[in-house]
Protein backbone atom coordinates (compact mmCIF):
# COMPACT_ATOMS: atom_id res chain seq x y z
CA MET A 1 0.00 0.00 0.00
CA THR A 2 1.51 3.33 -1.05
CA THR A 3 -0.10 6.66 -0.33
CA GLU A 4 1.01 10.24 -0.22
CA ALA A 5 1.55 11.08 3.46
CA PRO A 6 0.01 14.33 4.71
CA ALA A 7 2.62 16.96 5.55
CA THR A 8 0.82 17.86 8.76
CA LEU A 9 -1.16 16.07 11.42
CA SER A 10 -4.88 16.36 12.01
CA SER A 11 -6.79 15.79 15.24
CA SER A 12 -10.27 14.92 16.42
CA ASN A 13 -12.41 17.74 17.75
CA PHE A 14 -13.44 17.37 21.37
CA VAL A 15 -14.07 19.54 24.41
CA LEU A 16 -11.18 20.72 26.60
CA ASP A 17 -11.25 22.46 29.97
CA ASP A 18 -8.90 23.02 32.89
CA ARG A 19 -9.45 19.58 34.38
CA ILE A 20 -7.03 18.35 31.71
CA ARG A 21 -3.29 18.58 32.28
CA GLY A 22 -1.82 21.54 30.48
CA ILE A 23 -4.98 23.59 29.99
CA PRO A 24 -4.53 27.04 31.60
CA PRO A 25 -6.52 27.41 34.83
CA GLY A 26 -9.82 29.19 34.43
CA THR A 27 -10.17 28.18 30.80
CA PRO A 28 -13.84 27.50 29.99
CA ALA A 29 -14.86 24.54 27.88
CA ILE A 30 -13.41 25.02 24.41
CA ASP A 31 -13.23 22.99 21.21
CA SER A 32 -9.83 21.40 20.76
CA HIS A 33 -9.69 22.69 17.18
CA SER A 34 -9.54 26.25 18.52
CA ILE A 35 -6.34 25.91 20.55
CA ALA A 36 -3.87 26.63 17.75
CA ALA A 37 -5.11 30.22 17.65
CA LEU A 38 -4.37 30.69 21.37
CA GLY A 39 -0.59 30.46 20.97
CA TRP A 40 0.09 28.48 24.13
CA HIS A 41 3.69 27.51 24.88
CA PRO A 42 4.65 25.21 27.78
CA ALA A 43 7.26 27.69 29.00
CA ASP A 44 5.27 30.92 28.88
CA GLY A 45 3.58 30.55 32.25
CA ARG A 46 0.02 29.98 31.05
CA MET A 47 -0.21 26.19 30.69
CA MET A 48 -0.60 24.07 33.79
CA LEU A 49 2.53 22.05 34.39
CA PRO A 50 3.73 19.36 34.17
CA VAL A 51 2.59 18.70 30.62
CA LEU A 52 3.65 16.38 27.82
CA THR A 53 4.14 17.63 24.27
CA LEU A 54 4.73 16.02 20.91
CA ASP A 55 7.10 17.66 18.44
CA GLU A 56 4.94 17.19 15.36
CA ALA A 57 7.75 17.71 12.87
CA ALA A 58 9.87 15.06 14.59
CA PHE A 59 6.97 12.58 14.67
CA LEU A 60 6.24 13.12 10.98
CA ALA A 61 9.92 12.81 10.09
CA ASN A 62 10.17 9.55 12.05
CA ARG A 63 7.02 8.29 10.36
CA ASP A 64 8.25 9.05 6.87
CA LEU A 65 11.70 7.63 7.58
CA PHE A 66 10.38 4.31 8.86
CA MET A 67 7.83 3.99 6.09
CA ARG A 68 10.56 4.64 3.53
CA TYR A 69 12.63 1.88 5.14
CA ALA A 70 9.66 -0.50 5.01
CA ARG A 71 8.98 0.26 1.36
CA GLU A 72 12.59 -0.26 0.39
CA LYS A 73 12.69 -3.58 2.23
CA GLY A 74 9.41 -4.71 0.69
CA VAL A 75 7.73 -5.21 4.05
CA ALA A 76 4.53 -3.87 5.57
CA ALA A 77 4.00 -2.11 8.91
CA ALA A 78 1.26 -2.31 11.51
CA PRO A 79 2.61 0.16 14.11
CA HIS A 80 1.79 -0.72 17.69
CA GLY A 81 -1.02 1.52 18.94
CA LYS A 82 -0.37 0.75 22.62
CA THR A 83 2.44 3.31 22.73
CA PRO A 84 0.24 6.46 22.50
CA MET A 85 -3.27 4.95 22.43
CA ALA A 86 -4.12 7.97 20.29
CA PRO A 87 -6.25 7.07 17.26
CA ASP A 88 -5.36 10.36 15.53
CA LEU A 89 -1.69 9.38 15.54
CA ALA A 90 -2.42 5.79 14.52
CA ARG A 91 -4.46 7.13 11.62
CA ALA A 92 -1.56 9.36 10.57
CA LEU A 93 0.59 6.25 10.22
CA VAL A 94 -2.02 4.43 8.14
CA GLU A 95 -2.38 7.50 5.94
CA ALA A 96 1.37 7.32 5.33
CA GLY A 97 1.12 3.76 4.08
CA ALA A 98 0.97 1.54 7.16
CA TRP A 99 -0.76 -1.77 6.38
CA GLY A 100 -2.69 -1.67 9.65
CA THR A 101 -2.48 -1.05 13.39
CA THR A 102 -1.39 -3.32 16.22
CA VAL A 103 -3.10 -3.51 19.61
CA ALA A 104 -2.29 -5.41 22.79
CA ASP A 105 -5.73 -6.35 24.07
CA ILE A 106 -9.43 -6.39 23.27
CA ARG A 107 -10.17 -2.98 24.79
CA GLN A 108 -7.43 -1.37 22.71
CA ALA A 109 -8.97 -3.02 19.67
CA ALA A 110 -12.31 -1.42 20.57
CA VAL A 111 -10.68 2.02 20.72
CA MET A 112 -9.15 1.68 17.28
CA LEU A 113 -12.25 0.16 15.69
CA ARG A 114 -14.41 3.00 17.01
CA ALA A 115 -11.97 5.38 15.33
CA GLY A 116 -12.45 3.63 11.99
CA LEU A 117 -9.12 1.77 12.01
CA ASN A 118 -10.43 -1.58 10.85
CA ARG A 119 -7.34 -3.67 10.07
CA LEU A 120 -5.82 -4.78 13.36
CA VAL A 121 -3.25 -7.23 14.66
CA LEU A 122 -4.14 -8.28 18.20
CA ALA A 123 -0.57 -9.07 19.24
CA ASN A 124 -1.42 -11.00 22.36
CA GLU A 125 -3.37 -14.03 23.47
CA VAL A 126 -6.94 -13.27 24.53
CA GLY A 127 -7.12 -15.94 27.24
CA GLY A 128 -9.70 -18.69 27.60
CA HIS A 129 -13.44 -18.87 27.07
CA GLY A 130 -14.09 -15.47 28.68
CA GLY A 131 -11.60 -13.66 26.48
CA ALA A 132 -12.80 -15.49 23.38
CA ALA A 133 -16.42 -14.52 24.10
CA ARG A 134 -15.43 -10.88 24.62
CA LEU A 135 -13.54 -10.79 21.32
CA ALA A 136 -16.55 -12.30 19.54
CA ALA A 137 -18.83 -9.68 21.09
CA LEU A 138 -16.53 -6.90 19.92
CA LEU A 139 -16.30 -8.13 16.35
CA ALA A 140 -20.06 -8.63 16.21
CA ALA A 141 -20.33 -4.87 16.78
CA PHE A 142 -17.80 -4.08 14.04
CA PRO A 143 -18.58 -6.21 10.99
CA LYS A 144 -16.03 -4.37 8.84
CA ALA A 145 -13.16 -5.32 11.13
CA GLU A 146 -10.26 -7.33 9.73
CA LEU A 147 -8.57 -8.64 12.87
CA TYR A 148 -5.71 -11.11 13.26
CA ALA A 149 -5.40 -12.69 16.72
CA PHE A 150 -2.37 -14.43 18.23
CA VAL A 151 -2.82 -18.01 19.48
CA ASP A 152 -0.14 -19.98 21.33
CA SER A 153 -1.98 -23.06 22.64
CA ALA A 154 -4.50 -25.61 21.45
CA GLU A 155 -6.64 -24.69 24.46
CA ALA A 156 -6.83 -21.05 23.36
CA ALA A 157 -7.69 -22.10 19.81
CA ASP A 158 -10.44 -24.38 21.13
CA ALA A 159 -11.87 -21.52 23.22
CA LEU A 160 -11.97 -19.21 20.22
CA ALA A 161 -13.55 -21.90 18.08
CA ALA A 162 -16.25 -22.46 20.70
CA ALA A 163 -17.03 -18.74 20.86
CA TRP A 164 -17.24 -18.50 17.07
CA ARG A 165 -19.52 -21.53 16.85
CA LYS A 166 -21.91 -19.68 19.17
CA ALA A 167 -21.82 -16.67 16.81
CA PRO A 168 -22.45 -18.15 13.36
CA VAL A 169 -23.08 -14.72 11.82
CA LEU A 170 -19.41 -13.85 12.37
CA PRO A 171 -16.97 -14.63 9.58
CA PRO A 172 -14.13 -16.99 10.51
CA LEU A 173 -11.56 -15.45 12.85
CA SER A 174 -8.07 -15.08 11.36
CA VAL A 175 -5.50 -16.49 13.78
CA LEU A 176 -1.73 -16.28 13.80
CA VAL A 177 0.21 -19.09 15.45
CA GLU A 178 2.72 -17.47 17.80
CA ALA A 179 6.26 -18.72 18.27
CA GLY A 180 7.82 -17.37 21.44
CA ALA A 181 10.84 -16.95 23.67
CA GLY A 182 10.84 -15.03 26.94
CA ARG A 183 7.13 -14.27 26.86
CA ALA A 184 4.11 -16.05 25.36
CA GLY A 185 4.30 -18.25 22.27
CA ALA A 186 4.92 -21.89 21.39
CA ARG A 187 8.42 -22.98 22.32
CA THR A 188 8.72 -25.89 19.86
CA LEU A 189 7.44 -26.78 16.43
CA GLN A 190 5.66 -29.75 18.01
CA GLN A 191 3.67 -27.36 20.20
CA ALA A 192 2.96 -25.17 17.19
CA ASP A 193 1.73 -28.15 15.19
CA ALA A 194 -0.76 -28.92 17.97
CA ILE A 195 -2.07 -25.36 17.66
CA ILE A 196 -2.38 -25.72 13.89
CA ASP A 197 -4.32 -28.95 14.38
CA ALA A 198 -6.71 -27.19 16.79
CA VAL A 199 -7.30 -24.36 14.33
CA LEU A 200 -7.98 -26.71 11.45
CA ARG A 201 -10.47 -28.82 13.42
CA ALA A 202 -12.59 -25.75 14.24
CA ASP A 203 -15.19 -26.55 11.55
CA GLY A 204 -14.11 -23.55 9.50
CA ARG A 205 -14.82 -21.08 12.32
CA LEU A 206 -11.11 -20.24 12.57
CA LYS A 207 -8.87 -19.32 9.65
CA LEU A 208 -5.19 -20.19 9.77
CA ALA A 209 -3.81 -16.86 8.58
CA GLY A 210 -0.10 -16.97 9.38
CA VAL A 211 2.55 -16.88 12.07
CA ALA A 212 3.77 -14.36 14.61
CA ALA A 213 6.58 -13.66 17.07
CA TYR A 214 7.96 -10.92 19.28
CA GLU A 215 11.73 -10.93 19.27
CA GLY A 216 12.21 -8.18 21.87
CA ALA A 217 11.22 -10.51 24.71
CA ALA A 218 14.03 -12.86 23.70
CA ALA A 219 16.75 -10.26 24.45
CA ARG A 220 19.38 -11.35 26.97
CA ALA A 221 22.06 -9.73 29.12
CA THR A 222 24.76 -9.57 26.45
CA PRO A 223 24.68 -8.82 22.72
CA GLU A 224 26.03 -12.29 21.98
CA GLU A 225 23.32 -14.01 24.02
CA THR A 226 20.69 -11.74 22.48
CA ASP A 227 21.82 -12.54 18.93
CA LYS A 228 21.62 -16.25 19.67
CA ALA A 229 18.19 -16.08 21.33
CA ILE A 230 16.61 -13.83 18.70
CA GLY A 231 18.21 -15.80 15.89
CA GLY A 232 16.77 -19.01 17.29
CA LEU A 233 13.28 -17.53 17.65
CA LEU A 234 13.28 -16.12 14.12
CA ALA A 235 14.56 -19.41 12.71
CA MET A 236 11.68 -21.20 14.41
CA THR A 237 9.25 -18.59 13.08
CA GLY A 238 10.52 -19.23 9.57
CA ASP A 239 10.15 -22.99 10.01
CA LEU A 240 6.64 -22.42 11.36
CA LEU A 241 5.74 -20.49 8.21
CA ILE A 242 6.71 -23.54 6.18
CA HIS A 243 4.57 -25.78 8.41
CA VAL A 244 1.55 -23.49 8.05
CA ARG A 245 2.00 -23.20 4.29
CA ARG A 246 1.97 -26.99 3.93
CA ARG A 247 -1.30 -27.18 5.81
CA VAL A 248 -3.20 -24.39 4.00
CA GLY A 249 -1.88 -24.85 0.47
CA PRO A 250 -0.24 -22.37 -1.89
CA ALA A 251 -3.29 -20.23 -2.66
CA ALA A 252 -3.96 -18.89 0.85
CA PRO A 253 -2.40 -15.49 1.62
CA LEU A 254 -0.46 -15.55 4.90
CA ILE A 255 0.84 -12.97 7.36
CA VAL A 256 4.23 -13.21 9.05
CA THR A 257 4.55 -10.60 11.78
CA ALA A 258 7.29 -9.64 14.23
CA GLY A 259 9.49 -6.64 14.82
CA GLY A 260 9.52 -4.14 17.67
CA SER A 261 11.39 -0.84 17.66
CA VAL A 262 14.91 -2.13 18.41
CA TYR A 263 15.52 -5.40 16.54
CA PHE A 264 13.34 -4.95 13.45
CA ASP A 265 16.44 -5.19 11.24
CA LYS A 266 17.08 -8.72 12.48
CA VAL A 267 13.49 -9.63 11.63
CA VAL A 268 13.84 -8.29 8.09
CA GLU A 269 17.18 -10.02 7.57
CA ALA A 270 15.96 -13.39 8.84
CA LEU A 271 12.39 -13.54 7.56
CA SER A 272 12.26 -11.49 4.35
CA PRO A 273 13.99 -14.18 2.22
CA LEU A 274 11.58 -16.84 3.52
CA VAL A 275 8.54 -14.64 2.91
CA GLU A 276 9.75 -13.84 -0.59
CA ALA A 277 10.35 -17.51 -1.32
CA ASP A 278 6.85 -18.35 -0.09
CA GLY A 279 5.37 -16.14 -2.79
CA ASN A 280 2.03 -15.47 -1.10
CA ALA A 281 2.98 -14.09 2.31
CA THR A 282 3.45 -10.59 3.73
CA LEU A 283 6.00 -9.66 6.40
CA VAL A 284 4.44 -7.13 8.79
CA LEU A 285 6.58 -5.17 11.27
CA ARG A 286 4.89 -3.97 14.46
CA SER A 287 7.31 -1.24 15.59
CA GLY A 288 5.55 1.51 17.58
CA ALA A 289 7.80 3.45 19.93
CA ILE A 290 10.23 4.29 17.13
CA PHE A 291 7.83 6.94 15.81
CA PHE A 292 8.27 8.81 19.11
CA HIS A 293 11.85 7.77 19.91
CA ASP A 294 13.34 9.08 23.19
CA HIS A 295 16.45 10.22 25.04
CA GLY A 296 16.92 6.91 26.85
CA ILE A 297 16.17 3.26 26.16
CA TYR A 298 15.38 3.68 22.47
CA ASP A 299 18.30 6.03 21.97
CA ARG A 300 20.50 3.26 23.36
CA GLY A 301 18.70 0.68 21.25
CA LEU A 302 19.29 2.60 18.04
CA ASP A 303 22.92 3.10 19.00
CA ALA A 304 23.23 -0.69 19.11
CA LEU A 305 21.38 -0.88 15.78
CA ASP A 306 23.94 1.50 14.28
CA ARG A 307 26.85 -0.51 15.64
CA ARG A 308 25.60 -3.57 13.76
CA HIS A 309 24.94 -1.40 10.64
CA GLY A 310 21.34 -2.59 10.67
CA PHE A 311 19.53 0.46 9.28
CA THR A 312 19.89 0.92 5.53
CA LEU A 313 18.36 3.31 3.04
CA GLY A 314 19.11 3.28 -0.66
CA GLY A 315 21.31 0.26 -0.10
CA GLU A 316 23.62 2.12 2.30
CA ALA A 317 23.89 1.85 6.08
CA VAL A 318 22.83 5.12 7.72
CA SER A 319 22.59 6.16 11.35
CA ALA A 320 19.19 5.37 12.85
CA ARG A 321 20.21 7.10 16.08
CA THR A 322 20.92 10.33 14.23
CA ASN A 323 18.02 10.27 11.80
CA PHE A 324 15.21 9.30 14.18
CA ARG A 325 14.39 12.24 16.45
CA PRO A 326 13.00 12.26 20.01
CA ALA A 327 9.50 13.71 19.65
CA LEU A 328 8.27 13.80 23.26
CA ARG A 329 9.05 16.45 25.90
CA LEU A 330 7.93 16.79 29.49
CA TRP A 331 7.73 20.35 30.84
CA ALA A 332 7.87 21.18 34.56
CA GLU A 333 8.58 24.15 36.79
CA VAL A 334 11.25 24.66 39.45
CA LEU A 335 9.31 24.87 42.71
CA SER A 336 12.11 25.22 45.24
CA ARG A 337 15.83 25.82 45.66
CA PRO A 338 15.95 24.78 49.34
CA GLU A 339 19.72 24.40 49.61
CA PRO A 340 22.84 24.76 47.45
CA GLY A 341 23.16 22.03 44.87
CA LEU A 342 19.49 21.06 44.98
CA ALA A 343 16.45 22.03 42.96
CA VAL A 344 12.98 20.56 43.43
CA CYS A 345 10.83 20.42 40.34
CA GLY A 346 7.07 19.87 40.00
CA MET A 347 7.25 16.52 38.21
CA GLY A 348 7.27 13.03 39.66
CA MET A 349 6.47 9.38 39.15
CA ARG A 350 2.84 10.25 38.37
CA ASP A 351 3.99 12.42 35.49
CA VAL A 352 6.93 10.81 33.72
CA SER A 353 8.39 7.40 32.92
CA PHE A 354 11.23 6.14 35.09
CA ASP A 355 11.26 2.36 34.55
CA GLN A 356 13.99 2.56 31.88
CA GLY A 357 15.90 5.61 33.08
CA LEU A 358 15.22 9.04 34.57
CA PRO A 359 14.32 12.08 32.45
CA ILE A 360 17.10 14.42 31.37
CA VAL A 361 17.12 18.21 31.06
CA VAL A 362 17.28 19.40 27.44
CA GLY A 363 16.14 23.02 27.88
CA ILE A 364 15.82 25.78 30.49
CA TYR A 365 13.37 28.69 30.15
CA ARG A 366 12.90 31.88 32.17
CA ASN A 367 9.92 34.14 31.58
CA GLY A 368 9.18 32.21 28.42
CA GLN A 369 12.65 32.67 26.94
CA ALA A 370 15.21 29.92 26.42
CA LEU A 371 18.40 30.31 28.44
CA PRO A 372 21.81 29.17 27.21
CA LEU A 373 22.40 25.64 28.42
CA PRO A 374 25.22 25.39 30.95
CA GLU A 375 28.01 22.89 30.46
CA ALA A 376 26.89 21.04 33.59
CA LEU A 377 23.15 20.48 33.24
CA PRO A 378 20.86 19.91 36.20
CA LYS A 379 20.46 16.16 36.68
CA VAL A 380 17.44 14.29 38.01
CA THR A 381 18.60 12.00 40.82
CA LYS A 382 15.30 10.89 42.36
CA LEU A 383 11.55 11.07 41.84
CA ASN A 384 8.75 11.13 44.39
CA ASP A 385 5.07 10.97 43.46
CA GLN A 386 5.00 14.57 42.26
CA HIS A 387 8.50 15.93 42.82
CA ALA A 388 11.78 15.58 40.98
CA PHE A 389 15.04 16.14 42.85
CA LEU A 390 17.77 17.65 40.70
CA SER A 391 21.43 17.94 41.45
CA VAL A 392 22.78 21.30 40.26
CA PRO A 393 26.14 23.04 40.63
CA ASP A 394 26.25 25.31 43.69
CA ASP A 395 26.62 28.39 41.50
CA ALA A 396 24.02 27.34 38.90
CA ASP A 397 21.76 30.05 37.54
CA LEU A 398 18.54 28.17 38.17
CA ALA A 399 15.69 29.99 39.87
CA VAL A 400 12.29 29.21 41.29
CA GLY A 401 9.80 29.60 38.42
CA ASP A 402 12.21 28.52 35.69
CA VAL A 403 10.64 25.95 33.37
CA LEU A 404 12.67 22.87 32.49
CA GLU A 405 12.20 20.90 29.31
CA PHE A 406 12.93 17.20 29.79
CA GLY A 407 13.64 14.38 27.40
CA ILE A 408 12.21 11.08 28.54
CA SER A 409 13.16 7.41 28.48
CA HIS A 410 10.48 4.91 27.36
CA PRO A 411 7.55 6.59 25.58
CA CYS A 412 5.03 3.85 26.46
CA THR A 413 5.14 4.40 30.22
CA CYS A 414 5.16 8.19 29.90
CA LEU A 415 2.32 8.64 27.44
CA ASP A 416 -0.04 6.53 29.51
CA ARG A 417 -0.11 9.21 32.20
CA TYR A 418 -1.79 11.74 29.90
CA SER A 419 -5.34 11.95 28.57
CA VAL A 420 -4.23 14.55 26.01
CA ILE A 421 -0.97 14.90 24.10
CA PHE A 422 -0.34 18.46 22.92
CA GLY A 423 1.24 18.66 19.48
CA VAL A 424 3.59 21.61 19.08
CA ASP A 425 5.09 23.35 16.07
CA ASP A 426 8.73 24.21 15.38
CA ASN A 427 8.48 27.15 17.80
CA GLY A 428 7.09 24.99 20.58
CA ARG A 429 3.58 26.46 20.36
CA VAL A 430 0.57 24.21 20.73
CA ARG A 431 -1.26 23.49 17.48
CA HIS A 432 -3.17 20.25 18.18
CA ALA A 433 -4.60 18.26 21.07
CA PHE A 434 -4.59 14.48 20.57
CA PRO A 435 -6.85 12.53 22.94
CA THR A 436 -5.52 9.26 24.36
CA PHE A 437 -7.55 6.24 25.49
CA PHE A 438 -5.57 4.35 28.09
CA GLY A 439 -8.72 3.52 30.04
């Protein structure tokens, strides 16, 4: 699928007021489409802090870069929607040529389907009879949905088949047999064959649609161990494709899906030749966080990608770490300078991710104006619920009321703290509000 990607983002129109993070206090209910005209900037003293912003130009550049990579490699993409849970942003990826959207559970699927995003990969098991019945109920409400569900046991396949037998108006459910290491998924081809048998004995209520894996869960403590574990998982996934093809015949189109935001190059290298040789299969990458990137875990991940020369464009290795840009910023105010060497900032564990590294200072503003960055930047050393403790040089020019701009580590666990992501332009001024649906 090739489309011309829009040069700008668009957002849903909904009602905003000052119960939402970032909205200036005292603001009456307003339409979100009106905020661009208000000229808000996170550092100008009007917006309630802390607040999360999305650099729209960086997001669009990351989108276009990854989609170019996918096109050149002849693979498809179903970016993982769990990262922002923002249908507007998921739609922007589909408009740029993404094959579909990935979700992690049934509720996330409901969010995307209600937004009109009808081709979904449910990259997780749904559980037993309860989960199967809930998935059937969802798809009964969305007859246009094209959903592919992971299955990693004969018991799960039997539960889905039972739910679909009870709902004969539903078309057969497309299932992907999952190979796994470190998380869910069949561990051997013998286990996978038992799953295939269960799917094929479902009286046509299940459709054997391909194979799936998630290589990120196979990562180990050292690069050498990681290479071995991921290589083994992808080899099994390739063998599983051959097993499935034998059972469904040459005419059935199949999906092969893997690929997070760190090891997608290994997926392409290992599986693309097998998919091409199959002749009627599509390799679908599920990378999601890469469109937001960060100043922490994904920055380190892309550094490792560069060291193995894994990102290529036009047949040449290029730097993923340099070309993908961190798009998220967290803005917070200095609340106290209680003693030399210490600043306390109004941002804590309820506001920013910390599971994969603490936020880092990337900008300092006073009265709405950017200050020159000192050689020794303030450094976050600890977070409480709603406070960040920063180590600063004794003579640092950092005052109460200064606004700090932070880069974050791990977009997934930062975005889920916000019901609205504010998109900003090149000058840092708010132009869009993107609603999120984390539940």
